[in-house]
């Protein structure tokens, strides 16, 4: 975990632009606030974008090795998400923003989609290319996307990492084909799990998760960006037991140590189970024709 250091920048609310906020959590030297105007939860002050890009490049946040370890389970989880998207759009061209090592792209490709991924993490980009996936290395927006259109733009665990999520959503809209859809999965700060665990909530990672949406603020962000929300639900994923135990340590190290002693890592990594504590949400939105 990267903790706060000198050089943090104070920012306005990424949703409404207000500067009236109240602290709600403190973690790893960062302050997480809630906007009094619109209710958005975000990190303030936060790491500058240049520092974040360096940390991604050095594998200090969102390391590719972790996602490679969970690749098989993620592909099974993401196949269900692609099936959800297909309720609104049949296989066509799909842009996978923040694609990581390519599990979502691989799951979509297996169902007939033509995929293009984009990720800032060089190790993740290399993994995608090793798997034969089309991928662009770099941050969003990227000049290689200019003039291209997609039937679906997917953002799994992506928006919360952005300094300007509203700007990103507006730019994504320009990349959508007529009747295209946007799929977003992101932590739900309004969930019961988030409220019960407070600053120990495992999605509270203020060194990389800059913005925390709930059902109300994600709807507002989409509407402000020219979309109409058509579906929202809590969403889980398949985890191997080893990863689940490691993540559970955020809520109590002693029980997790006992569980780890009883279930050795090689055995735990070989056991998979579906988990949905209700603290992640998936939303589907369509671009408004009149926007």
Protein backbone atom coordinates (compact mmCIF):
# COMPACT_ATOMS: atom_id res chain seq x y z
CA UNK A 1 0.00 0.00 0.00
CA UNK A 2 1.37 3.38 -1.03
CA UNK A 3 0.73 5.99 1.65
CA UNK A 4 0.32 9.72 1.30
CA UNK A 5 3.41 11.87 1.02
CA UNK A 6 4.24 15.51 0.32
CA UNK A 7 3.00 16.98 -2.93
CA UNK A 8 -0.70 16.10 -2.71
CA UNK A 9 -3.06 18.36 -4.65
CA UNK A 10 -6.37 19.71 -3.41
CA UNK A 11 -9.18 19.44 -5.95
CA UNK A 12 -12.79 20.42 -6.55
CA UNK A 13 -15.52 17.79 -6.58
CA UNK A 14 -15.03 15.69 -9.75
CA UNK A 15 -18.81 15.54 -10.26
CA UNK A 16 -20.30 18.96 -9.52
CA UNK A 17 -17.20 21.12 -9.24
CA UNK A 18 -18.03 22.24 -5.71
CA UNK A 19 -15.42 22.94 -3.06
CA UNK A 20 -17.53 22.33 0.03
CA UNK A 21 -16.68 18.89 1.38
CA UNK A 22 -16.62 17.10 4.70
CA UNK A 23 -14.14 14.38 5.77
CA UNK A 24 -15.65 10.90 6.10
CA UNK A 25 -12.57 8.65 6.37
CA UNK A 26 -8.84 8.81 6.91
CA UNK A 27 -6.63 6.04 5.55
CA UNK A 28 -2.92 5.66 4.82
CA UNK A 29 -2.42 9.38 5.36
CA UNK A 30 -5.14 10.34 2.87
CA UNK A 31 -8.45 12.03 3.62
CA UNK A 32 -11.60 10.79 1.92
CA UNK A 33 -14.36 13.41 1.75
CA UNK A 34 -18.00 13.70 0.77
CA UNK A 35 -19.19 16.64 -1.34
CA UNK A 36 -21.91 18.57 0.50
CA UNK A 37 -23.42 19.58 -2.83
CA UNK A 38 -23.85 16.32 -4.75
CA UNK A 39 -22.84 13.59 -2.30
CA UNK A 40 -19.87 12.23 -4.27
CA UNK A 41 -17.15 10.62 -2.16
CA UNK A 42 -13.58 11.24 -3.30
CA UNK A 43 -9.98 11.62 -2.13
CA UNK A 44 -8.99 15.19 -1.29
CA UNK A 45 -6.16 16.08 -1.39
CA UNK A 46 -4.90 13.36 -3.72
CA UNK A 47 -1.81 12.26 -5.59
CA UNK A 48 -1.14 14.21 -8.81
CA UNK A 49 -1.76 12.35 -12.06
CA UNK A 50 1.97 12.25 -12.90
CA UNK A 51 2.69 10.47 -9.62
CA UNK A 52 -0.12 7.99 -10.24
CA UNK A 53 1.21 7.15 -13.69
CA UNK A 54 4.66 6.52 -12.20
CA UNK A 55 3.22 4.20 -9.53
CA UNK A 56 1.32 2.20 -12.14
CA UNK A 57 4.48 1.90 -14.22
CA UNK A 58 6.47 0.69 -11.22
CA UNK A 59 3.81 -1.93 -10.38
CA UNK A 60 3.25 -0.33 -6.97
CA UNK A 61 -0.49 0.00 -7.53
CA UNK A 62 -2.74 -2.38 -9.50
CA UNK A 63 0.19 -4.75 -10.19
CA UNK A 64 -0.26 -6.96 -13.23
CA UNK A 65 0.98 -10.06 -11.36
CA UNK A 66 -2.11 -10.05 -9.12
CA UNK A 67 -4.51 -10.03 -12.07
CA UNK A 68 -2.57 -12.75 -13.85
CA UNK A 69 -2.95 -14.86 -10.72
CA UNK A 70 -6.74 -14.40 -10.82
CA UNK A 71 -7.02 -14.66 -14.61
CA UNK A 72 -8.91 -17.96 -14.85
CA UNK A 73 -11.53 -16.94 -12.28
CA UNK A 74 -11.86 -13.45 -13.76
CA UNK A 75 -12.60 -14.82 -17.23
CA UNK A 76 -15.47 -16.86 -15.79
CA UNK A 77 -16.78 -13.80 -13.95
CA UNK A 78 -16.42 -11.56 -16.98
CA UNK A 79 -18.21 -14.01 -19.28
CA UNK A 80 -21.30 -13.34 -17.16
CA UNK A 81 -20.80 -9.60 -17.53
CA UNK A 82 -20.49 -9.91 -21.29
CA UNK A 83 -23.72 -11.92 -21.30
CA UNK A 84 -25.35 -9.07 -19.39
CA UNK A 85 -24.16 -6.56 -22.01
CA UNK A 86 -25.62 -8.77 -24.74
CA UNK A 87 -29.10 -8.08 -23.41
CA UNK A 88 -28.71 -4.67 -25.07
CA UNK A 89 -26.11 -5.21 -27.80
CA UNK A 90 -25.16 -8.29 -29.80
CA UNK A 91 -21.46 -9.02 -30.48
CA UNK A 92 -19.67 -6.32 -32.42
CA UNK A 93 -16.80 -3.98 -31.65
CA UNK A 94 -15.90 -3.60 -27.98
CA UNK A 95 -13.43 -1.21 -26.35
CA UNK A 96 -12.09 -2.49 -23.02
CA UNK A 97 -10.79 0.50 -21.05
CA UNK A 98 -8.42 -0.36 -18.22
CA UNK A 99 -8.19 -3.86 -19.66
CA UNK A 100 -5.42 -5.09 -17.34
CA UNK A 101 -3.88 -8.36 -18.55
CA UNK A 102 -6.91 -8.99 -20.76
CA UNK A 103 -9.34 -11.26 -18.90
CA UNK A 104 -12.43 -9.29 -19.93
CA UNK A 105 -11.26 -8.94 -23.53
CA UNK A 106 -10.57 -12.68 -23.67
CA UNK A 107 -14.03 -13.48 -22.30
CA UNK A 108 -15.67 -11.14 -24.81
CA UNK A 109 -13.62 -12.47 -27.72
CA UNK A 110 -14.67 -16.02 -26.82
CA UNK A 111 -18.30 -14.89 -27.24
CA UNK A 112 -17.71 -13.40 -30.68
CA UNK A 113 -16.73 -9.80 -29.93
CA UNK A 114 -13.95 -7.95 -31.75
CA UNK A 115 -12.07 -6.38 -28.86
CA UNK A 116 -9.53 -3.61 -28.37
CA UNK A 117 -8.05 -2.99 -24.94
CA UNK A 118 -6.28 -0.01 -23.45
CA UNK A 119 -4.21 0.05 -20.28
CA UNK A 120 -1.59 2.28 -18.70
CA UNK A 121 0.27 -0.63 -17.10
CA UNK A 122 3.08 -1.80 -19.41
CA UNK A 123 3.22 -5.27 -17.83
CA UNK A 124 -0.51 -5.74 -18.39
CA UNK A 125 -0.18 -4.60 -22.00
CA UNK A 126 2.63 -7.10 -22.54
CA UNK A 127 0.46 -9.88 -21.10
CA UNK A 128 -2.40 -8.96 -23.47
CA UNK A 129 -0.08 -9.08 -26.47
CA UNK A 130 1.32 -12.43 -25.36
CA UNK A 131 -2.26 -13.73 -25.39
CA UNK A 132 -2.85 -12.44 -28.91
CA UNK A 133 -5.20 -9.65 -27.81
CA UNK A 134 -5.36 -6.27 -29.54
CA UNK A 135 -4.27 -3.63 -27.04
CA UNK A 136 -3.04 -0.05 -26.83
CA UNK A 137 -0.54 0.92 -24.16
CA UNK A 138 -1.11 4.29 -22.52
CA UNK A 139 -3.56 6.46 -20.64
CA UNK A 140 -7.08 7.43 -21.65
CA UNK A 141 -7.72 9.49 -23.74
CA UNK A 142 -5.31 8.11 -26.31
CA UNK A 143 -4.72 9.50 -29.83
CA UNK A 144 -4.89 5.98 -31.31
CA UNK A 145 -8.63 5.96 -30.56
CA UNK A 146 -9.41 9.07 -32.58
CA UNK A 147 -11.86 8.43 -35.39
CA UNK A 148 -12.76 4.93 -34.18
CA UNK A 149 -16.21 3.81 -33.08
CA UNK A 150 -17.37 0.94 -30.91
CA UNK A 151 -20.66 -0.78 -30.21
CA UNK A 152 -19.75 -1.17 -26.54
CA UNK A 153 -17.27 0.56 -24.27
CA UNK A 154 -16.59 -1.45 -21.12
CA UNK A 155 -15.03 0.00 -18.00
CA UNK A 156 -14.41 -2.66 -15.37
CA UNK A 157 -12.88 -1.17 -12.21
CA UNK A 158 -11.78 1.85 -14.24
CA UNK A 159 -13.75 5.01 -13.41
CA UNK A 160 -12.71 5.05 -9.75
CA UNK A 161 -9.06 5.40 -10.85
CA UNK A 162 -9.64 8.57 -12.88
CA UNK A 163 -9.01 12.14 -11.83
CA UNK A 164 -11.79 13.28 -14.19
CA UNK A 165 -14.38 10.50 -14.53
CA UNK A 166 -17.00 12.89 -15.93
CA UNK A 167 -14.67 14.01 -18.70
CA UNK A 168 -13.88 10.39 -19.51
CA UNK A 169 -17.56 9.46 -19.77
CA UNK A 170 -18.18 12.39 -22.10
CA UNK A 171 -15.26 11.42 -24.30
CA UNK A 172 -16.38 7.77 -24.36
CA UNK A 173 -19.70 8.93 -25.76
CA UNK A 174 -17.91 10.29 -28.84
CA UNK A 175 -16.49 6.80 -29.46
CA UNK A 176 -19.86 5.03 -29.44
CA UNK A 177 -21.63 3.88 -32.57
CA UNK A 178 -25.35 4.71 -32.87
CA UNK A 179 -27.26 2.73 -30.24
CA UNK A 180 -23.98 1.84 -28.54
CA UNK A 181 -23.87 1.09 -24.84
CA UNK A 182 -21.53 1.68 -21.94
CA UNK A 183 -20.87 -0.91 -19.26
CA UNK A 184 -19.36 0.18 -15.96
CA UNK A 185 -18.44 -1.82 -12.89
CA UNK A 186 -17.18 0.09 -9.88
CA UNK A 187 -17.19 -0.15 -6.07
CA UNK A 188 -20.44 0.99 -4.43
CA UNK A 189 -19.69 3.31 -1.52
CA UNK A 190 -23.38 3.32 -0.66
CA UNK A 191 -23.46 -0.42 -0.06
CA UNK A 192 -24.11 -1.98 3.33
CA UNK A 193 -20.64 -3.55 3.33
CA UNK A 194 -18.98 -0.17 2.75
CA UNK A 195 -21.01 1.39 5.56
CA UNK A 196 -20.35 -1.44 8.02
CA UNK A 197 -16.60 -1.61 7.42
CA UNK A 198 -15.89 2.12 7.17
CA UNK A 199 -12.22 2.92 6.66
CA UNK A 200 -11.44 -0.82 6.57
CA UNK A 201 -13.53 -1.33 3.43
CA UNK A 202 -11.22 -3.20 1.07
CA UNK A 203 -12.15 -1.01 -1.91
CA UNK A 204 -11.01 2.07 0.00
CA UNK A 205 -7.60 2.48 -1.67
CA UNK A 206 -7.00 6.23 -1.68
CA UNK A 207 -3.63 5.94 -3.38
CA UNK A 208 -5.32 4.67 -6.56
CA UNK A 209 -9.12 4.79 -6.13
CA UNK A 210 -9.72 8.53 -6.35
CA UNK A 211 -13.53 8.57 -6.65
CA UNK A 212 -16.24 6.45 -4.98
CA UNK A 213 -19.70 6.30 -6.53
CA UNK A 214 -23.02 5.08 -5.15
CA UNK A 215 -26.19 4.37 -7.15
CA UNK A 216 -27.23 8.03 -7.06
CA UNK A 217 -23.91 9.61 -8.04
CA UNK A 218 -23.17 7.14 -10.84
CA UNK A 219 -26.61 7.87 -12.30
CA UNK A 220 -25.95 11.59 -12.08
CA UNK A 221 -22.51 11.22 -13.69
CA UNK A 222 -24.01 9.26 -16.58
CA UNK A 223 -26.88 11.69 -17.10
CA UNK A 224 -24.53 14.68 -17.01
CA UNK A 225 -22.44 12.95 -19.69
CA UNK A 226 -25.31 12.32 -22.10
CA UNK A 227 -26.40 8.80 -21.16
CA UNK A 228 -29.56 7.14 -19.92
CA UNK A 229 -29.11 4.49 -17.26
CA UNK A 230 -30.98 1.33 -18.28
CA UNK A 231 -29.76 -1.20 -15.73
CA UNK A 232 -28.01 -1.34 -12.36
CA UNK A 233 -27.26 -4.24 -10.04
CA UNK A 234 -24.78 -5.42 -7.46
CA UNK A 235 -22.22 -7.72 -9.01
CA UNK A 236 -19.72 -10.17 -7.61
CA UNK A 237 -17.05 -12.34 -9.08
CA UNK A 238 -15.48 -15.75 -8.77
CA UNK A 239 -12.44 -15.79 -6.50
CA UNK A 240 -9.99 -18.48 -5.63
CA UNK A 241 -9.97 -19.10 -1.90
CA UNK A 242 -6.40 -17.90 -1.51
CA UNK A 243 -7.20 -14.45 -2.85
CA UNK A 244 -10.43 -14.31 -0.84
CA UNK A 245 -8.51 -15.00 2.37
CA UNK A 246 -5.94 -12.34 1.56
CA UNK A 247 -8.62 -9.74 0.88
CA UNK A 248 -10.50 -10.76 4.00
CA UNK A 249 -7.45 -9.74 6.05
CA UNK A 250 -8.64 -6.14 5.66
CA UNK A 251 -11.45 -6.99 8.07
CA UNK A 252 -9.48 -8.93 10.65
CA UNK A 253 -6.00 -10.40 10.41
CA UNK A 254 -6.29 -12.98 13.20
CA UNK A 255 -9.24 -14.92 11.70
CA UNK A 256 -7.52 -14.83 8.31
CA UNK A 257 -4.26 -16.12 9.77
CA UNK A 258 -6.12 -19.00 11.39
CA UNK A 259 -7.88 -19.78 8.12
CA UNK A 260 -4.58 -19.59 6.24
CA UNK A 261 -2.97 -22.01 8.70
CA UNK A 262 -5.83 -24.44 8.20
CA UNK A 263 -5.86 -24.11 4.40
CA UNK A 264 -2.36 -23.91 2.84
CA UNK A 265 -2.01 -21.51 -0.09
CA UNK A 266 -1.52 -24.19 -2.81
CA UNK A 267 -4.78 -25.80 -1.74
CA UNK A 268 -6.58 -22.47 -1.31
CA UNK A 269 -5.51 -21.29 -4.78
CA UNK A 270 -7.06 -24.40 -6.28
CA UNK A 271 -10.51 -23.76 -4.82
CA UNK A 272 -12.84 -21.26 -6.48
CA UNK A 273 -16.12 -19.86 -5.20
CA UNK A 274 -18.56 -17.11 -6.22
CA UNK A 275 -18.49 -14.08 -3.91
CA UNK A 276 -20.84 -11.12 -3.89
CA UNK A 277 -20.77 -9.02 -0.71
CA UNK A 278 -22.89 -6.43 -2.51
CA UNK A 279 -20.26 -3.70 -2.53
CA UNK A 280 -19.61 -3.57 -6.28
CA UNK A 281 -22.16 -2.43 -8.83
CA UNK A 282 -22.56 -2.89 -12.55
CA UNK A 283 -24.46 -0.39 -14.68
CA UNK A 284 -25.46 -0.35 -18.33
CA UNK A 285 -26.22 2.95 -20.05
CA UNK A 286 -27.14 4.05 -23.56
CA UNK A 287 -26.23 7.32 -25.21
CA UNK A 288 -29.11 9.76 -25.44
CA UNK A 289 -29.80 10.66 -29.07
CA UNK A 290 -30.56 14.29 -28.24
CA UNK A 291 -27.45 14.87 -26.08
